[in-house]
All heavy atoms as atom14 arrays in JSON, in Angstrom:
{
  "sequence": "GDRHIDFISIREQFDTSSPMGRAMMYIASVFSQLERETIAERIRDNMH",
  "atom14_mask": [
    [1, 1, 1, 1, 0, 0, 0, 0, 0, 0, 0, 0, 0, 0],
    [1, 1, 1, 1, 1, 1, 1, 1, 0, 0, 0, 0, 0, 0],
    [1, 1, 1, 1, 1, 1, 1, 1, 1, 1, 1, 0, 0, 0],
    [1, 1, 1, 1, 1, 1, 1, 1, 1, 1, 0, 0, 0, 0],
    [1, 1, 1, 1, 1, 1, 1, 1, 0, 0, 0, 0, 0, 0],
    [1, 1, 1, 1, 1, 1, 1, 1, 0, 0, 0, 0, 0, 0],
    [1, 1, 1, 1, 1, 1, 1, 1, 1, 1, 1, 0, 0, 0],
    [1, 1, 1, 1, 1, 1, 1, 1, 0, 0, 0, 0, 0, 0],
    [1, 1, 1, 1, 1, 1, 0, 0, 0, 0, 0, 0, 0, 0],
    [1, 1, 1, 1, 1, 1, 1, 1, 0, 0, 0, 0, 0, 0],
    [1, 1, 1, 1, 1, 1, 1, 1, 1, 1, 1, 0, 0, 0],
    [1, 1, 1, 1, 1, 1, 1, 1, 1, 0, 0, 0, 0, 0],
    [1, 1, 1, 1, 1, 1, 1, 1, 1, 0, 0, 0, 0, 0],
    [1, 1, 1, 1, 1, 1, 1, 1, 1, 1, 1, 0, 0, 0],
    [1, 1, 1, 1, 1, 1, 1, 1, 0, 0, 0, 0, 0, 0],
    [1, 1, 1, 1, 1, 1, 1, 0, 0, 0, 0, 0, 0, 0],
    [1, 1, 1, 1, 1, 1, 0, 0, 0, 0, 0, 0, 0, 0],
    [1, 1, 1, 1, 1, 1, 0, 0, 0, 0, 0, 0, 0, 0],
    [1, 1, 1, 1, 1, 1, 1, 0, 0, 0, 0, 0, 0, 0],
    [1, 1, 1, 1, 1, 1, 1, 1, 0, 0, 0, 0, 0, 0],
    [1, 1, 1, 1, 0, 0, 0, 0, 0, 0, 0, 0, 0, 0],
    [1, 1, 1, 1, 1, 1, 1, 1, 1, 1, 1, 0, 0, 0],
    [1, 1, 1, 1, 1, 0, 0, 0, 0, 0, 0, 0, 0, 0],
    [1, 1, 1, 1, 1, 1, 1, 1, 0, 0, 0, 0, 0, 0],
    [1, 1, 1, 1, 1, 1, 1, 1, 0, 0, 0, 0, 0, 0],
    [1, 1, 1, 1, 1, 1, 1, 1, 1, 1, 1, 1, 0, 0],
    [1, 1, 1, 1, 1, 1, 1, 1, 0, 0, 0, 0, 0, 0],
    [1, 1, 1, 1, 1, 0, 0, 0, 0, 0, 0, 0, 0, 0],
    [1, 1, 1, 1, 1, 1, 0, 0, 0, 0, 0, 0, 0, 0],
    [1, 1, 1, 1, 1, 1, 1, 0, 0, 0, 0, 0, 0, 0],
    [1, 1, 1, 1, 1, 1, 1, 1, 1, 1, 1, 0, 0, 0],
    [1, 1, 1, 1, 1, 1, 0, 0, 0, 0, 0, 0, 0, 0],
    [1, 1, 1, 1, 1, 1, 1, 1, 1, 0, 0, 0, 0, 0],
    [1, 1, 1, 1, 1, 1, 1, 1, 0, 0, 0, 0, 0, 0],
    [1, 1, 1, 1, 1, 1, 1, 1, 1, 0, 0, 0, 0, 0],
    [1, 1, 1, 1, 1, 1, 1, 1, 1, 1, 1, 0, 0, 0],
    [1, 1, 1, 1, 1, 1, 1, 1, 1, 0, 0, 0, 0, 0],
    [1, 1, 1, 1, 1, 1, 1, 0, 0, 0, 0, 0, 0, 0],
    [1, 1, 1, 1, 1, 1, 1, 1, 0, 0, 0, 0, 0, 0],
    [1, 1, 1, 1, 1, 0, 0, 0, 0, 0, 0, 0, 0, 0],
    [1, 1, 1, 1, 1, 1, 1, 1, 1, 0, 0, 0, 0, 0],
    [1, 1, 1, 1, 1, 1, 1, 1, 1, 1, 1, 0, 0, 0],
    [1, 1, 1, 1, 1, 1, 1, 1, 0, 0, 0, 0, 0, 0],
    [1, 1, 1, 1, 1, 1, 1, 1, 1, 1, 1, 0, 0, 0],
    [1, 1, 1, 1, 1, 1, 1, 1, 0, 0, 0, 0, 0, 0],
    [1, 1, 1, 1, 1, 1, 1, 1, 0, 0, 0, 0, 0, 0],
    [1, 1, 1, 1, 1, 1, 1, 1, 0, 0, 0, 0, 0, 0],
    [1, 1, 1, 1, 1, 1, 1, 1, 1, 1, 0, 0, 0, 0]
  ],
  "atom14_positions": [
    [[-6.77, 14.13, -1.7], [-7.83, 14.22, -2.71], [-8.7, 15.45, -2.48], [-9.1, 16.13, -3.43], [0.0, 0.0, 0.0], [0.0, 0.0, 0.0], [0.0, 0.0, 0.0], [0.0, 0.0, 0.0], [0.0, 0.0, 0.0], [0.0, 0.0, 0.0], [0.0, 0.0, 0.0], [0.0, 0.0, 0.0], [0.0, 0.0, 0.0], [0.0, 0.0, 0.0]],
    [[-9.03, 15.72, -1.2], [-9.87, 16.89, -0.88], [-9.17, 18.19, -1.31], [-9.87, 19.19, -1.56], [-10.15, 16.92, 0.63], [-11.1, 15.82, 1.06], [-11.76, 15.25, 0.18], [-11.16, 15.52, 2.27], [0.0, 0.0, 0.0], [0.0, 0.0, 0.0], [0.0, 0.0, 0.0], [0.0, 0.0, 0.0], [0.0, 0.0, 0.0], [0.0, 0.0, 0.0]],
    [[-7.85, 18.17, -1.31], [-7.1, 19.38, -1.67], [-6.54, 19.3, -3.1], [-5.68, 20.08, -3.48], [-5.99, 19.63, -0.66], [-6.57, 19.99, 0.7], [-5.52, 20.38, 1.69], [-4.78, 19.28, 2.22], [-3.45, 19.18, 2.25], [-2.72, 20.14, 1.76], [-2.86, 18.13, 2.79], [0.0, 0.0, 0.0], [0.0, 0.0, 0.0], [0.0, 0.0, 0.0]],
    [[-7.04, 18.33, -3.86], [-6.66, 18.19, -5.28], [-5.15, 18.01, -5.47], [-4.55, 18.57, -6.39], [-7.17, 19.39, -6.09], [-8.63, 19.66, -5.92], [-9.6, 18.83, -6.46], [-9.3, 20.63, -5.25], [-10.81, 19.29, -6.15], [-10.65, 20.39, -5.41], [0.0, 0.0, 0.0], [0.0, 0.0, 0.0], [0.0, 0.0, 0.0], [0.0, 0.0, 0.0]],
    [[-4.55, 17.23, -4.58], [-3.14, 16.89, -4.71], [-3.04, 15.42, -5.09], [-3.52, 14.54, -4.39], [-2.37, 17.1, -3.37], [-2.48, 18.56, -2.92], [-0.9, 16.69, -3.5], [-1.9, 18.81, -1.54], [0.0, 0.0, 0.0], [0.0, 0.0, 0.0], [0.0, 0.0, 0.0], [0.0, 0.0, 0.0], [0.0, 0.0, 0.0], [0.0, 0.0, 0.0]],
    [[-2.47, 15.15, -6.25], [-2.35, 13.77, -6.72], [-1.23, 13.05, -5.98], [-0.28, 13.65, -5.49], [-2.05, 13.74, -8.25], [-3.2, 14.26, -9.07], [-4.37, 14.17, -8.6], [-2.95, 14.79, -10.16], [0.0, 0.0, 0.0], [0.0, 0.0, 0.0], [0.0, 0.0, 0.0], [0.0, 0.0, 0.0], [0.0, 0.0, 0.0], [0.0, 0.0, 0.0]],
    [[-1.4, 11.72, -5.91], [-0.37, 10.87, -5.28], [0.07, 9.85, -6.32], [-0.76, 9.15, -6.9], [-0.91, 10.19, -4.03], [0.1, 9.26, -3.39], [1.04, 9.78, -2.5], [0.06, 7.92, -3.63], [1.97, 8.93, -1.92], [0.99, 7.06, -3.06], [1.93, 7.56, -2.19], [0.0, 0.0, 0.0], [0.0, 0.0, 0.0], [0.0, 0.0, 0.0]],
    [[1.37, 9.76, -6.58], [1.9, 8.91, -7.63], [2.96, 7.97, -7.06], [3.91, 8.42, -6.4], [2.5, 9.72, -8.78], [1.43, 10.65, -9.39], [3.11, 8.81, -9.84], [1.99, 11.66, -10.39], [0.0, 0.0, 0.0], [0.0, 0.0, 0.0], [0.0, 0.0, 0.0], [0.0, 0.0, 0.0], [0.0, 0.0, 0.0], [0.0, 0.0, 0.0]],
    [[2.79, 6.67, -7.32], [3.81, 5.68, -6.95], [4.37, 5.11, -8.25], [3.66, 4.43, -9.0], [3.18, 4.57, -6.11], [4.12, 3.55, -5.87], [0.0, 0.0, 0.0], [0.0, 0.0, 0.0], [0.0, 0.0, 0.0], [0.0, 0.0, 0.0], [0.0, 0.0, 0.0], [0.0, 0.0, 0.0], [0.0, 0.0, 0.0], [0.0, 0.0, 0.0]],
    [[5.67, 5.39, -8.53], [6.19, 5.07, -9.85], [6.48, 3.57, -10.01], [6.42, 3.05, -11.12], [7.47, 5.87, -10.15], [8.6, 5.5, -9.19], [7.15, 7.37, -10.08], [9.91, 6.16, -9.57], [0.0, 0.0, 0.0], [0.0, 0.0, 0.0], [0.0, 0.0, 0.0], [0.0, 0.0, 0.0], [0.0, 0.0, 0.0], [0.0, 0.0, 0.0]],
    [[6.81, 2.87, -8.93], [7.11, 1.44, -9.05], [5.88, 0.65, -9.46], [5.92, -0.22, -10.35], [7.66, 0.92, -7.72], [8.03, -0.56, -7.73], [9.25, -0.82, -8.57], [9.61, -2.22, -8.55], [10.43, -2.79, -7.68], [10.93, -2.05, -6.69], [10.71, -4.06, -7.74], [0.0, 0.0, 0.0], [0.0, 0.0, 0.0], [0.0, 0.0, 0.0]],
    [[4.75, 0.93, -8.81], [3.51, 0.22, -9.14], [2.73, 0.89, -10.26], [1.7, 0.37, -10.69], [2.61, 0.12, -7.9], [3.2, -0.72, -6.77], [4.0, 0.1, -5.78], [4.25, 1.3, -6.04], [4.39, -0.45, -4.73], [0.0, 0.0, 0.0], [0.0, 0.0, 0.0], [0.0, 0.0, 0.0], [0.0, 0.0, 0.0], [0.0, 0.0, 0.0]],
    [[3.2, 2.06, -10.71], [2.5, 2.82, -11.75], [1.07, 3.16, -11.37], [0.13, 3.06, -12.14], [2.49, 1.99, -13.08], [3.84, 1.81, -13.68], [4.44, 3.11, -14.21], [3.84, 3.81, -15.01], [5.62, 3.47, -13.73], [0.0, 0.0, 0.0], [0.0, 0.0, 0.0], [0.0, 0.0, 0.0], [0.0, 0.0, 0.0], [0.0, 0.0, 0.0]],
    [[0.92, 3.61, -10.09], [-0.37, 4.05, -9.6], [-0.45, 5.56, -9.58], [0.51, 6.23, -9.2], [-0.64, 3.53, -8.17], [-0.77, 2.05, -8.08], [-0.46, 1.39, -6.91], [-1.23, 1.29, -9.14], [-0.6, 0.01, -6.8], [-1.38, -0.07, -9.06], [-1.06, -0.72, -7.88], [0.0, 0.0, 0.0], [0.0, 0.0, 0.0], [0.0, 0.0, 0.0]],
    [[-1.59, 6.09, -9.96], [-1.79, 7.53, -10.01], [-3.2, 7.84, -9.55], [-4.18, 7.41, -10.18], [-1.57, 8.03, -11.45], [-1.62, 9.54, -11.57], [-2.13, 10.19, -10.64], [-1.16, 10.07, -12.59], [0.0, 0.0, 0.0], [0.0, 0.0, 0.0], [0.0, 0.0, 0.0], [0.0, 0.0, 0.0], [0.0, 0.0, 0.0], [0.0, 0.0, 0.0]],
    [[-3.35, 8.59, -8.44], [-4.68, 8.85, -7.89], [-5.48, 9.88, -8.69], [-6.58, 10.24, -8.29], [-4.57, 9.34, -6.43], [-3.75, 10.51, -6.38], [-3.98, 8.28, -5.54], [0.0, 0.0, 0.0], [0.0, 0.0, 0.0], [0.0, 0.0, 0.0], [0.0, 0.0, 0.0], [0.0, 0.0, 0.0], [0.0, 0.0, 0.0], [0.0, 0.0, 0.0]],
    [[-4.91, 10.35, -9.78], [-5.66, 11.29, -10.6], [-6.79, 10.59, -11.37], [-7.65, 11.26, -11.94], [-4.73, 12.03, -11.56], [-4.12, 11.1, -12.45], [0.0, 0.0, 0.0], [0.0, 0.0, 0.0], [0.0, 0.0, 0.0], [0.0, 0.0, 0.0], [0.0, 0.0, 0.0], [0.0, 0.0, 0.0], [0.0, 0.0, 0.0], [0.0, 0.0, 0.0]],
    [[-6.78, 9.25, -11.37], [-7.86, 8.5, -12.04], [-8.55, 7.57, -11.04], [-7.91, 7.11, -10.1], [-7.29, 7.66, -13.19], [-6.49, 6.59, -12.68], [0.0, 0.0, 0.0], [0.0, 0.0, 0.0], [0.0, 0.0, 0.0], [0.0, 0.0, 0.0], [0.0, 0.0, 0.0], [0.0, 0.0, 0.0], [0.0, 0.0, 0.0], [0.0, 0.0, 0.0]],
    [[-9.85, 7.31, -11.24], [-10.59, 6.43, -10.29], [-9.97, 5.02, -10.21], [-9.87, 4.47, -9.1], [-12.0, 6.37, -10.92], [-12.12, 7.63, -11.7], [-10.76, 7.88, -12.25], [0.0, 0.0, 0.0], [0.0, 0.0, 0.0], [0.0, 0.0, 0.0], [0.0, 0.0, 0.0], [0.0, 0.0, 0.0], [0.0, 0.0, 0.0], [0.0, 0.0, 0.0]],
    [[-9.55, 4.45, -11.31], [-8.94, 3.13, -11.31], [-7.6, 3.16, -10.55], [-7.28, 2.23, -9.81], [-8.71, 2.64, -12.73], [-8.13, 1.22, -12.82], [-9.18, 0.0, -12.0], [-10.54, -0.07, -13.15], [0.0, 0.0, 0.0], [0.0, 0.0, 0.0], [0.0, 0.0, 0.0], [0.0, 0.0, 0.0], [0.0, 0.0, 0.0], [0.0, 0.0, 0.0]],
    [[-6.85, 4.22, -10.72], [-5.6, 4.35, -10.01], [-5.81, 4.38, -8.5], [-5.05, 3.77, -7.75], [0.0, 0.0, 0.0], [0.0, 0.0, 0.0], [0.0, 0.0, 0.0], [0.0, 0.0, 0.0], [0.0, 0.0, 0.0], [0.0, 0.0, 0.0], [0.0, 0.0, 0.0], [0.0, 0.0, 0.0], [0.0, 0.0, 0.0], [0.0, 0.0, 0.0]],
    [[-6.85, 5.11, -8.07], [-7.15, 5.18, -6.63], [-7.54, 3.82, -6.09], [-7.11, 3.42, -5.01], [-8.26, 6.22, -6.37], [-7.79, 7.67, -6.51], [-8.83, 8.63, -5.96], [-10.05, 8.63, -6.73], [-10.24, 9.37, -7.82], [-9.29, 10.18, -8.23], [-11.39, 9.32, -8.48], [0.0, 0.0, 0.0], [0.0, 0.0, 0.0], [0.0, 0.0, 0.0]],
    [[-8.38, 3.12, -6.84], [-8.85, 1.81, -6.39], [-7.7, 0.81, -6.27], [-7.57, 0.09, -5.27], [-9.9, 1.26, -7.36], [0.0, 0.0, 0.0], [0.0, 0.0, 0.0], [0.0, 0.0, 0.0], [0.0, 0.0, 0.0], [0.0, 0.0, 0.0], [0.0, 0.0, 0.0], [0.0, 0.0, 0.0], [0.0, 0.0, 0.0], [0.0, 0.0, 0.0]],
    [[-6.83, 0.76, -7.27], [-5.71, -0.15, -7.26], [-4.72, 0.17, -6.16], [-4.09, -0.7, -5.56], [-5.01, -0.13, -8.61], [-5.84, -0.69, -9.77], [-6.4, -2.38, -9.44], [-4.82, -3.24, -9.39], [0.0, 0.0, 0.0], [0.0, 0.0, 0.0], [0.0, 0.0, 0.0], [0.0, 0.0, 0.0], [0.0, 0.0, 0.0], [0.0, 0.0, 0.0]],
    [[-4.58, 1.47, -5.82], [-3.66, 1.86, -4.8], [-4.15, 1.42, -3.43], [-3.38, 0.97, -2.58], [-3.44, 3.38, -4.84], [-2.25, 3.85, -4.04], [-1.84, 5.57, -4.34], [-1.19, 5.47, -5.99], [0.0, 0.0, 0.0], [0.0, 0.0, 0.0], [0.0, 0.0, 0.0], [0.0, 0.0, 0.0], [0.0, 0.0, 0.0], [0.0, 0.0, 0.0]],
    [[-5.45, 1.49, -3.2], [-6.0, 1.02, -1.92], [-5.78, -0.48, -1.78], [-5.42, -0.98, -0.7], [-7.5, 1.31, -1.82], [-7.8, 2.73, -1.41], [-8.53, 3.59, -2.22], [-7.39, 3.22, -0.18], [-8.82, 4.89, -1.84], [-7.66, 4.52, 0.22], [-8.39, 5.33, -0.62], [-8.68, 6.61, -0.22], [0.0, 0.0, 0.0], [0.0, 0.0, 0.0]],
    [[-5.98, -1.22, -2.85], [-5.78, -2.67, -2.82], [-4.33, -3.01, -2.5], [-4.02, -3.87, -1.67], [-6.19, -3.33, -4.16], [-7.73, -3.17, -4.35], [-5.76, -4.78, -4.21], [-8.22, -3.57, -5.73], [0.0, 0.0, 0.0], [0.0, 0.0, 0.0], [0.0, 0.0, 0.0], [0.0, 0.0, 0.0], [0.0, 0.0, 0.0], [0.0, 0.0, 0.0]],
    [[-3.4, -2.3, -3.16], [-1.98, -2.56, -2.95], [-1.56, -2.21, -1.52], [-0.71, -2.88, -0.92], [-1.14, -1.74, -3.94], [0.0, 0.0, 0.0], [0.0, 0.0, 0.0], [0.0, 0.0, 0.0], [0.0, 0.0, 0.0], [0.0, 0.0, 0.0], [0.0, 0.0, 0.0], [0.0, 0.0, 0.0], [0.0, 0.0, 0.0], [0.0, 0.0, 0.0]],
    [[-2.16, -1.18, -0.93], [-1.81, -0.77, 0.42], [-2.22, -1.84, 1.43], [-1.57, -2.01, 2.47], [-2.44, 0.56, 0.8], [-3.84, 0.45, 0.89], [0.0, 0.0, 0.0], [0.0, 0.0, 0.0], [0.0, 0.0, 0.0], [0.0, 0.0, 0.0], [0.0, 0.0, 0.0], [0.0, 0.0, 0.0], [0.0, 0.0, 0.0], [0.0, 0.0, 0.0]],
    [[-3.3, -2.59, 1.15], [-3.72, -3.68, 2.03], [-2.65, -4.76, 2.08], [-2.29, -5.26, 3.14], [-5.05, -4.28, 1.54], [-5.38, -5.54, 2.32], [-6.19, -3.27, 1.68], [0.0, 0.0, 0.0], [0.0, 0.0, 0.0], [0.0, 0.0, 0.0], [0.0, 0.0, 0.0], [0.0, 0.0, 0.0], [0.0, 0.0, 0.0], [0.0, 0.0, 0.0]],
    [[-2.11, -5.11, 0.89], [-1.09, -6.11, 0.85], [0.24, -5.62, 1.46], [1.01, -6.41, 2.01], [-0.84, -6.57, -0.59], [-1.93, -7.47, -1.1], [-2.96, -6.97, -1.9], [-1.97, -8.83, -0.77], [-3.98, -7.79, -2.35], [-2.98, -9.64, -1.25], [-4.0, -9.13, -2.03], [0.0, 0.0, 0.0], [0.0, 0.0, 0.0], [0.0, 0.0, 0.0]],
    [[0.49, -4.33, 1.38], [1.68, -3.77, 2.01], [1.61, -3.92, 3.52], [2.6, -4.3, 4.16], [1.81, -2.29, 1.64], [2.93, -1.71, 2.26], [0.0, 0.0, 0.0], [0.0, 0.0, 0.0], [0.0, 0.0, 0.0], [0.0, 0.0, 0.0], [0.0, 0.0, 0.0], [0.0, 0.0, 0.0], [0.0, 0.0, 0.0], [0.0, 0.0, 0.0]],
    [[0.42, -3.66, 4.1], [0.27, -3.83, 5.55], [0.35, -5.32, 5.9], [0.94, -5.68, 6.92], [-1.05, -3.26, 6.03], [-1.25, -3.5, 7.53], [-2.42, -2.67, 8.09], [-2.79, -1.65, 7.54], [-3.01, -3.13, 9.19], [0.0, 0.0, 0.0], [0.0, 0.0, 0.0], [0.0, 0.0, 0.0], [0.0, 0.0, 0.0], [0.0, 0.0, 0.0]],
    [[-0.22, -6.18, 5.08], [-0.17, -7.61, 5.33], [1.27, -8.11, 5.36], [1.66, -8.9, 6.23], [-0.96, -8.37, 4.25], [-0.88, -9.9, 4.3], [-1.49, -10.41, 5.62], [-1.59, -10.52, 3.11], [0.0, 0.0, 0.0], [0.0, 0.0, 0.0], [0.0, 0.0, 0.0], [0.0, 0.0, 0.0], [0.0, 0.0, 0.0], [0.0, 0.0, 0.0]],
    [[2.09, -7.61, 4.46], [3.49, -8.01, 4.4], [4.21, -7.58, 5.68], [4.95, -8.36, 6.28], [4.19, -7.35, 3.2], [5.66, -7.68, 3.1], [6.36, -6.88, 2.02], [5.87, -5.77, 1.67], [7.4, -7.32, 1.54], [0.0, 0.0, 0.0], [0.0, 0.0, 0.0], [0.0, 0.0, 0.0], [0.0, 0.0, 0.0], [0.0, 0.0, 0.0]],
    [[3.95, -6.35, 6.12], [4.58, -5.83, 7.35], [4.2, -6.67, 8.56], [5.02, -7.04, 9.39], [4.21, -4.38, 7.55], [4.64, -3.82, 8.89], [4.28, -2.33, 9.0], [4.42, -1.88, 10.38], [3.43, -1.89, 11.26], [2.26, -2.33, 10.91], [3.64, -1.45, 12.49], [0.0, 0.0, 0.0], [0.0, 0.0, 0.0], [0.0, 0.0, 0.0]],
    [[2.9, -6.98, 8.66], [2.41, -7.73, 9.81], [2.98, -9.17, 9.8], [3.3, -9.72, 10.85], [0.89, -7.79, 9.8], [0.26, -6.43, 10.08], [-1.25, -6.49, 10.03], [-1.79, -7.57, 9.67], [-1.91, -5.49, 10.37], [0.0, 0.0, 0.0], [0.0, 0.0, 0.0], [0.0, 0.0, 0.0], [0.0, 0.0, 0.0], [0.0, 0.0, 0.0]],
    [[3.09, -9.77, 8.6], [3.61, -11.12, 8.49], [5.09, -11.18, 8.9], [5.52, -12.1, 9.6], [3.46, -11.64, 7.05], [2.09, -11.6, 6.67], [3.97, -13.06, 6.91], [0.0, 0.0, 0.0], [0.0, 0.0, 0.0], [0.0, 0.0, 0.0], [0.0, 0.0, 0.0], [0.0, 0.0, 0.0], [0.0, 0.0, 0.0], [0.0, 0.0, 0.0]],
    [[5.86, -10.17, 8.47], [7.29, -10.12, 8.83], [7.45, -9.97, 10.34], [8.24, -10.67, 10.98], [7.98, -8.95, 8.12], [8.06, -9.21, 6.61], [9.39, -8.73, 8.67], [8.56, -8.04, 5.8], [0.0, 0.0, 0.0], [0.0, 0.0, 0.0], [0.0, 0.0, 0.0], [0.0, 0.0, 0.0], [0.0, 0.0, 0.0], [0.0, 0.0, 0.0]],
    [[6.67, -9.05, 10.95], [6.76, -8.83, 12.39], [6.36, -10.08, 13.16], [7.0, -10.46, 14.16], [5.88, -7.65, 12.78], [0.0, 0.0, 0.0], [0.0, 0.0, 0.0], [0.0, 0.0, 0.0], [0.0, 0.0, 0.0], [0.0, 0.0, 0.0], [0.0, 0.0, 0.0], [0.0, 0.0, 0.0], [0.0, 0.0, 0.0], [0.0, 0.0, 0.0]],
    [[5.31, -10.77, 12.69], [4.86, -12.0, 13.37], [5.9, -13.09, 13.28], [6.19, -13.8, 14.28], [3.55, -12.47, 12.74], [2.95, -13.71, 13.41], [1.65, -14.1, 12.78], [1.58, -14.19, 11.51], [0.67, -14.34, 13.5], [0.0, 0.0, 0.0], [0.0, 0.0, 0.0], [0.0, 0.0, 0.0], [0.0, 0.0, 0.0], [0.0, 0.0, 0.0]],
    [[6.53, -13.25, 12.13], [7.55, -14.28, 11.94], [8.76, -14.01, 12.84], [9.31, -14.91, 13.44], [7.98, -14.36, 10.47], [8.91, -15.49, 10.18], [9.07, -15.69, 8.7], [9.7, -14.58, 8.04], [9.1, -13.81, 7.13], [7.83, -14.03, 6.79], [9.74, -12.81, 6.58], [0.0, 0.0, 0.0], [0.0, 0.0, 0.0], [0.0, 0.0, 0.0]],
    [[9.17, -12.73, 12.92], [10.32, -12.38, 13.75], [10.0, -12.64, 15.22], [10.84, -13.19, 15.97], [10.72, -10.91, 13.54], [11.29, -10.71, 12.13], [11.73, -10.44, 14.57], [11.52, -9.28, 11.76], [0.0, 0.0, 0.0], [0.0, 0.0, 0.0], [0.0, 0.0, 0.0], [0.0, 0.0, 0.0], [0.0, 0.0, 0.0], [0.0, 0.0, 0.0]],
    [[8.82, -12.25, 15.67], [8.41, -12.5, 17.06], [8.44, -13.98, 17.41], [8.94, -14.39, 18.45], [7.01, -11.93, 17.33], [7.0, -10.44, 17.64], [5.71, -10.06, 18.34], [4.55, -10.5, 17.59], [3.95, -9.77, 16.65], [4.4, -8.56, 16.35], [2.88, -10.21, 15.99], [0.0, 0.0, 0.0], [0.0, 0.0, 0.0], [0.0, 0.0, 0.0]],
    [[7.9, -14.81, 16.48], [7.85, -16.24, 16.74], [9.26, -16.81, 16.82], [9.56, -17.65, 17.68], [7.05, -16.95, 15.64], [5.56, -16.64, 15.71], [5.12, -16.15, 16.76], [4.86, -16.9, 14.7], [0.0, 0.0, 0.0], [0.0, 0.0, 0.0], [0.0, 0.0, 0.0], [0.0, 0.0, 0.0], [0.0, 0.0, 0.0], [0.0, 0.0, 0.0]],
    [[10.13, -16.39, 15.89], [11.51, -16.89, 15.89], [12.24, -16.5, 17.15], [12.97, -17.3, 17.74], [12.25, -16.37, 14.67], [11.79, -17.04, 13.37], [11.19, -18.11, 13.41], [12.03, -16.4, 12.22], [0.0, 0.0, 0.0], [0.0, 0.0, 0.0], [0.0, 0.0, 0.0], [0.0, 0.0, 0.0], [0.0, 0.0, 0.0], [0.0, 0.0, 0.0]],
    [[12.08, -15.23, 17.57], [12.77, -14.78, 18.78], [12.24, -15.47, 20.03], [12.99, -15.77, 20.96], [12.65, -13.25, 18.9], [13.36, -12.5, 17.79], [13.31, -10.71, 17.99], [14.48, -10.49, 19.3], [0.0, 0.0, 0.0], [0.0, 0.0, 0.0], [0.0, 0.0, 0.0], [0.0, 0.0, 0.0], [0.0, 0.0, 0.0], [0.0, 0.0, 0.0]],
    [[10.94, -15.77, 20.03], [10.36, -16.49, 21.16], [10.94, -17.89, 21.29], [11.28, -18.34, 22.38], [8.84, -16.56, 20.99], [8.12, -17.28, 22.11], [8.07, -16.78, 23.39], [7.49, -18.47, 22.13], [7.41, -17.64, 24.16], [7.05, -18.67, 23.41], [0.0, 0.0, 0.0], [0.0, 0.0, 0.0], [0.0, 0.0, 0.0], [0.0, 0.0, 0.0]]
  ]
}
């Protein structure tokens, strides 16, 4: 953003060129990390 380079995710239809697009992308990234952490935790528990 500081260098005026837009970021576009076509699957979620997010575009950082708009304020709403930036806000929705941050929210989606939280759930993306949650999914990764949940998968890793489930695998660890199963292997244990």
